[in-house]
Amino acid sequence: MNPGMYIIVILLSVFLCCKIQKSISIYESPNLKVEKLTGHTFRHISYLSTEDFGKVSCNGMIVIDGSEALVFDTPTNDRDSKELIEWVEKTLDCKVIGVVVTHFHGDCLGGLNEFHQRNIPSYASFKTIELAKSDSVQIPQYGFEHYLEIQVGDKKVVNEFLGEGHTSDNIVSYFPDEKVLFGGCLIKASGASKGYLGDANTSEWSNTVQAVKSRYGKARVIIPGHGDPGNSDLLDYTIELFKKE
């Protein structure tokens, strides 16, 4: 290989390393895993046993700034929520100041009672609150119609309902400082199947994700409800997966 070509290969390798966002596992127990994604964001992973899909890993997000932390979707039960909250407090030295529920299913609010027992306020869309009431589960405390900004430290996270898909109430949460989008179960991991469709609006799913792409398509890291994080390719994958034949 001539020197010029060698330099090109080195530069291309550096470029690719900079472009690929890799998560770093920083905590793992039998019931809970936490990975660092960016300087201020983390993915928490807990597990749900299902009849149709077996043991399913379920994603949530943590955003920190200064001495404060926001959690997005609870672990799947109160035991794992307790473990997560205590890990955030002891390891990150942050106080959990709130939890956002992205839709009414158990993989999003199954551990909500533990947050309430610790006087940590919970937020969700009004649709999620109503559906949670009808489902006889823990009820998020503070509702919003379509859009809510929440402060964490000196930064903010925006939460928005852009249409139906996985459920009629699914929202997304975006951390603009580091361009991290928590898509929840509205967004599919690369190669994932359509998954559970019992409460889905499959005819609107692609349109909703197209709306997400229009607003948050510059996201560098996107966390789906299940499976590995990715970039904006996850939006395109989900759009194609549910596009009408």
Protein backbone atom coordinates (compact mmCIF):
# COMPACT_ATOMS: atom_id res chain seq x y z
CA MET A 1 0.00 0.00 0.00
CA ASN A 2 1.43 3.39 -0.97
CA PRO A 3 1.74 6.11 1.73
CA GLY A 4 -1.13 8.18 0.32
CA MET A 5 -3.54 5.25 0.39
CA TYR A 6 -2.40 4.32 3.91
CA ILE A 7 -3.24 7.82 5.17
CA ILE A 8 -6.69 7.64 3.55
CA VAL A 9 -7.40 4.32 5.27
CA ILE A 10 -6.32 5.73 8.65
CA LEU A 11 -8.50 8.84 8.22
CA LEU A 12 -11.49 6.73 7.17
CA SER A 13 -11.07 4.51 10.23
CA VAL A 14 -10.98 7.54 12.53
CA PHE A 15 -14.05 8.98 10.83
CA LEU A 16 -16.02 5.77 11.25
CA CYS A 17 -15.04 5.48 14.91
CA CYS A 18 -16.28 9.01 15.51
CA LYS A 19 -19.57 8.35 13.71
CA ILE A 20 -20.46 5.12 15.50
CA GLN A 21 -22.04 5.67 18.91
CA LYS A 22 -21.26 2.72 21.16
CA SER A 23 -22.89 2.18 24.52
CA ILE A 24 -20.75 1.29 27.53
CA SER A 25 -22.09 -1.12 30.13
CA ILE A 26 -21.47 0.33 33.58
CA TYR A 27 -23.80 -1.72 35.81
CA GLU A 28 -25.34 -5.16 35.58
CA SER A 29 -27.25 -7.42 37.98
CA PRO A 30 -29.57 -10.38 37.31
CA ASN A 31 -32.53 -8.00 36.99
CA LEU A 32 -31.14 -4.69 35.75
CA LYS A 33 -28.53 -3.32 33.38
CA VAL A 34 -27.37 0.26 32.78
CA GLU A 35 -25.37 1.47 29.79
CA LYS A 36 -23.85 4.90 29.23
CA LEU A 37 -24.75 6.34 25.83
CA THR A 38 -23.48 9.93 25.93
CA GLY A 39 -22.07 12.33 28.50
CA HIS A 40 -25.46 12.87 30.15
CA THR A 41 -27.64 9.95 29.00
CA PHE A 42 -27.97 6.29 29.91
CA ARG A 43 -30.11 3.34 28.86
CA HIS A 44 -31.61 1.21 31.64
CA ILE A 45 -32.69 -2.31 30.79
CA SER A 46 -35.05 -4.53 32.79
CA TYR A 47 -36.87 -7.72 31.84
CA LEU A 48 -40.45 -8.81 31.31
CA SER A 49 -41.70 -12.40 31.06
CA THR A 50 -44.34 -12.77 28.34
CA GLU A 51 -46.36 -15.68 26.99
CA ASP A 52 -45.87 -14.79 23.32
CA PHE A 53 -42.28 -13.52 23.25
CA GLY A 54 -40.62 -15.13 26.29
CA LYS A 55 -38.22 -13.03 28.38
CA VAL A 56 -38.12 -9.58 26.81
CA SER A 57 -35.57 -6.87 27.57
CA CYS A 58 -37.21 -3.46 28.03
CA ASN A 59 -35.45 -0.13 27.60
CA GLY A 60 -35.72 3.14 29.46
CA MET A 61 -33.61 6.28 29.52
CA ILE A 62 -31.90 8.35 32.21
CA VAL A 63 -30.86 11.96 31.66
CA ILE A 64 -28.65 13.70 34.23
CA ASP A 65 -27.31 17.20 34.73
CA GLY A 66 -25.59 18.53 37.81
CA SER A 67 -27.06 16.68 40.78
CA GLU A 68 -30.41 15.84 39.16
CA ALA A 69 -31.70 12.91 37.12
CA LEU A 70 -34.83 12.22 35.08
CA VAL A 71 -35.96 8.66 34.34
CA PHE A 72 -37.96 7.76 31.24
CA ASP A 73 -40.12 4.67 31.66
CA THR A 74 -39.81 2.64 34.83
CA PRO A 75 -38.25 -0.79 35.07
CA THR A 76 -40.85 -3.52 34.78
CA ASN A 77 -41.54 -3.90 38.52
CA ASP A 78 -41.07 -2.11 41.84
CA ARG A 79 -38.12 -4.27 42.93
CA ASP A 80 -36.14 -3.25 39.86
CA SER A 81 -37.23 0.39 40.18
CA LYS A 82 -35.84 0.39 43.71
CA GLU A 83 -32.54 -0.98 42.41
CA LEU A 84 -32.39 1.63 39.64
CA ILE A 85 -33.22 4.61 41.86
CA GLU A 86 -30.66 3.59 44.46
CA TRP A 87 -28.02 3.04 41.77
CA VAL A 88 -28.64 6.54 40.37
CA GLU A 89 -28.41 8.07 43.84
CA LYS A 90 -25.30 6.20 44.97
CA THR A 91 -23.30 5.82 41.76
CA LEU A 92 -24.24 8.95 39.82
CA ASP A 93 -24.71 11.02 42.99
CA CYS A 94 -27.95 12.42 41.55
CA LYS A 95 -31.42 12.90 42.96
CA VAL A 96 -34.19 11.47 40.79
CA ILE A 97 -36.53 14.44 40.34
CA GLY A 98 -39.11 12.80 38.08
CA VAL A 99 -40.13 9.88 35.88
CA VAL A 100 -41.82 10.13 32.48
CA VAL A 101 -44.11 7.31 31.29
CA THR A 102 -44.22 7.02 27.49
CA HIS A 103 -47.32 4.80 27.26
CA PHE A 104 -49.62 2.77 29.46
CA HIS A 105 -48.15 -0.74 29.12
CA GLY A 106 -46.45 -2.53 32.01
CA ASP A 107 -42.99 -2.27 30.48
CA CYS A 108 -43.29 1.51 30.92
CA LEU A 109 -44.99 1.89 34.31
CA GLY A 110 -44.76 -1.52 35.98
CA GLY A 111 -42.42 -0.10 38.64
CA LEU A 112 -44.16 3.23 39.11
CA ASN A 113 -45.31 2.60 42.68
CA GLU A 114 -41.71 2.60 43.92
CA PHE A 115 -41.19 6.09 42.50
CA HIS A 116 -44.39 7.32 44.16
CA GLN A 117 -43.39 5.75 47.49
CA ARG A 118 -40.23 7.87 47.33
CA ASN A 119 -42.21 11.03 46.48
CA ILE A 120 -40.78 11.18 42.96
CA PRO A 121 -43.34 12.87 40.68
CA SER A 122 -44.48 11.10 37.51
CA TYR A 123 -45.52 12.61 34.17
CA ALA A 124 -47.46 11.24 31.21
CA SER A 125 -49.89 12.36 28.56
CA PHE A 126 -53.54 12.69 29.57
CA LYS A 127 -54.26 9.76 27.23
CA THR A 128 -51.79 7.57 29.12
CA ILE A 129 -53.35 8.51 32.45
CA GLU A 130 -56.83 7.61 31.21
CA LEU A 131 -55.69 4.30 29.74
CA ALA A 132 -53.80 3.46 32.93
CA LYS A 133 -56.96 4.11 34.94
CA SER A 134 -59.00 1.76 32.77
CA ASP A 135 -56.27 -0.88 33.01
CA SER A 136 -56.28 -0.78 36.85
CA VAL A 137 -52.55 -0.13 37.17
CA GLN A 138 -50.44 2.56 38.79
CA ILE A 139 -51.52 6.00 37.59
CA PRO A 140 -49.04 8.71 36.56
CA GLN A 141 -49.63 11.90 38.54
CA TYR A 142 -49.20 14.87 36.20
CA GLY A 143 -50.60 15.00 32.69
CA PHE A 144 -50.09 17.02 29.53
CA GLU A 145 -51.92 17.24 26.21
CA HIS A 146 -49.34 17.08 23.42
CA TYR A 147 -46.07 18.71 24.55
CA LEU A 148 -44.16 19.07 27.81
CA GLU A 149 -40.69 20.37 28.63
CA ILE A 150 -39.09 19.17 31.87
CA GLN A 151 -36.02 20.77 33.40
CA VAL A 152 -33.19 18.61 34.71
CA GLY A 153 -30.33 20.62 36.16
CA ASP A 154 -29.68 23.41 33.67
CA LYS A 155 -30.94 21.38 30.71
CA LYS A 156 -34.32 20.33 29.37
CA VAL A 157 -35.98 17.31 27.84
CA VAL A 158 -38.97 17.68 25.52
CA ASN A 159 -41.79 15.14 25.51
CA GLU A 160 -44.25 15.04 22.66
CA PHE A 161 -47.22 13.10 21.30
CA LEU A 162 -47.06 13.00 17.49
CA GLY A 163 -49.66 10.36 16.68
CA GLU A 164 -50.74 6.78 17.24
CA GLY A 165 -48.67 3.69 16.52
CA HIS A 166 -47.72 1.04 19.07
CA THR A 167 -50.55 2.46 21.18
CA SER A 168 -52.91 5.43 20.95
CA ASP A 169 -50.91 7.31 23.61
CA ASN A 170 -47.24 6.67 22.76
CA ILE A 171 -44.98 9.71 23.17
CA VAL A 172 -41.30 10.30 22.44
CA SER A 173 -38.76 12.15 24.62
CA TYR A 174 -35.86 14.16 23.20
CA PHE A 175 -32.73 15.52 24.89
CA PRO A 176 -31.63 18.28 22.50
CA ASP A 177 -28.25 19.04 24.13
CA GLU A 178 -26.88 15.67 23.02
CA LYS A 179 -29.44 14.84 20.32
CA VAL A 180 -30.69 11.69 22.07
CA LEU A 181 -34.22 10.47 21.32
CA PHE A 182 -36.07 7.95 23.47
CA GLY A 183 -38.58 6.53 21.00
CA GLY A 184 -40.00 3.90 23.32
CA CYS A 185 -42.08 1.16 21.74
CA LEU A 186 -43.10 3.43 18.88
CA ILE A 187 -39.62 2.88 17.40
CA LYS A 188 -38.30 -0.56 16.44
CA ALA A 189 -34.73 -1.77 16.75
CA SER A 190 -32.95 -2.74 13.56
CA GLY A 191 -34.24 -6.10 12.32
CA ALA A 192 -37.02 -6.29 14.91
CA SER A 193 -40.43 -7.77 14.14
CA LYS A 194 -43.68 -5.84 14.52
CA GLY A 195 -44.04 -7.26 18.03
CA TYR A 196 -47.18 -6.94 20.14
CA LEU A 197 -50.02 -5.29 18.20
CA GLY A 198 -52.91 -5.72 20.64
CA ASP A 199 -53.29 -1.96 21.21
CA ALA A 200 -51.66 -0.76 17.98
CA ASN A 201 -52.84 1.49 15.18
CA THR A 202 -50.85 -0.08 12.36
CA SER A 203 -52.45 2.11 9.68
CA GLU A 204 -51.05 5.26 11.32
CA TRP A 205 -47.77 3.89 12.66
CA SER A 206 -45.62 4.86 9.67
CA ASN A 207 -47.21 8.32 9.46
CA THR A 208 -46.49 8.93 13.13
CA VAL A 209 -42.85 7.90 12.84
CA GLN A 210 -42.56 10.10 9.74
CA ALA A 211 -43.73 12.98 11.95
CA VAL A 212 -41.10 12.02 14.53
CA LYS A 213 -38.47 12.02 11.79
CA SER A 214 -39.55 15.47 10.61
CA ARG A 215 -39.09 16.91 14.11
CA TYR A 216 -36.27 14.83 15.55
CA GLY A 217 -34.57 13.30 12.53
CA LYS A 218 -31.26 14.92 13.51
CA ALA A 219 -31.05 12.70 16.59
CA ARG A 220 -27.65 11.03 16.82
CA VAL A 221 -28.75 8.32 19.24
CA ILE A 222 -32.21 6.74 19.21
CA ILE A 223 -33.35 4.33 21.92
CA PRO A 224 -36.16 1.93 20.91
CA GLY A 225 -38.47 0.34 23.45
CA HIS A 226 -36.71 -3.00 23.00
CA GLY A 227 -33.37 -3.90 21.48
CA ASP A 228 -30.22 -1.97 20.72
CA PRO A 229 -30.03 1.81 20.22
CA GLY A 230 -29.16 3.16 16.80
CA ASN A 231 -29.32 6.32 14.74
CA SER A 232 -31.96 7.76 12.42
CA ASP A 233 -31.91 4.51 10.44
CA LEU A 234 -34.25 3.13 13.13
CA LEU A 235 -36.86 5.68 12.09
CA ASP A 236 -36.58 4.63 8.44
CA TYR A 237 -36.71 0.96 9.41
CA THR A 238 -39.88 1.45 11.46
CA ILE A 239 -41.53 3.51 8.72
CA GLU A 240 -40.88 0.77 6.16
CA LEU A 241 -41.95 -2.00 8.55
CA PHE A 242 -45.45 -0.55 8.91
CA LYS A 243 -45.86 1.04 5.50
CA LYS A 244 -49.03 -0.11 3.74
CA GLU A 245 -48.57 -2.64 0.96
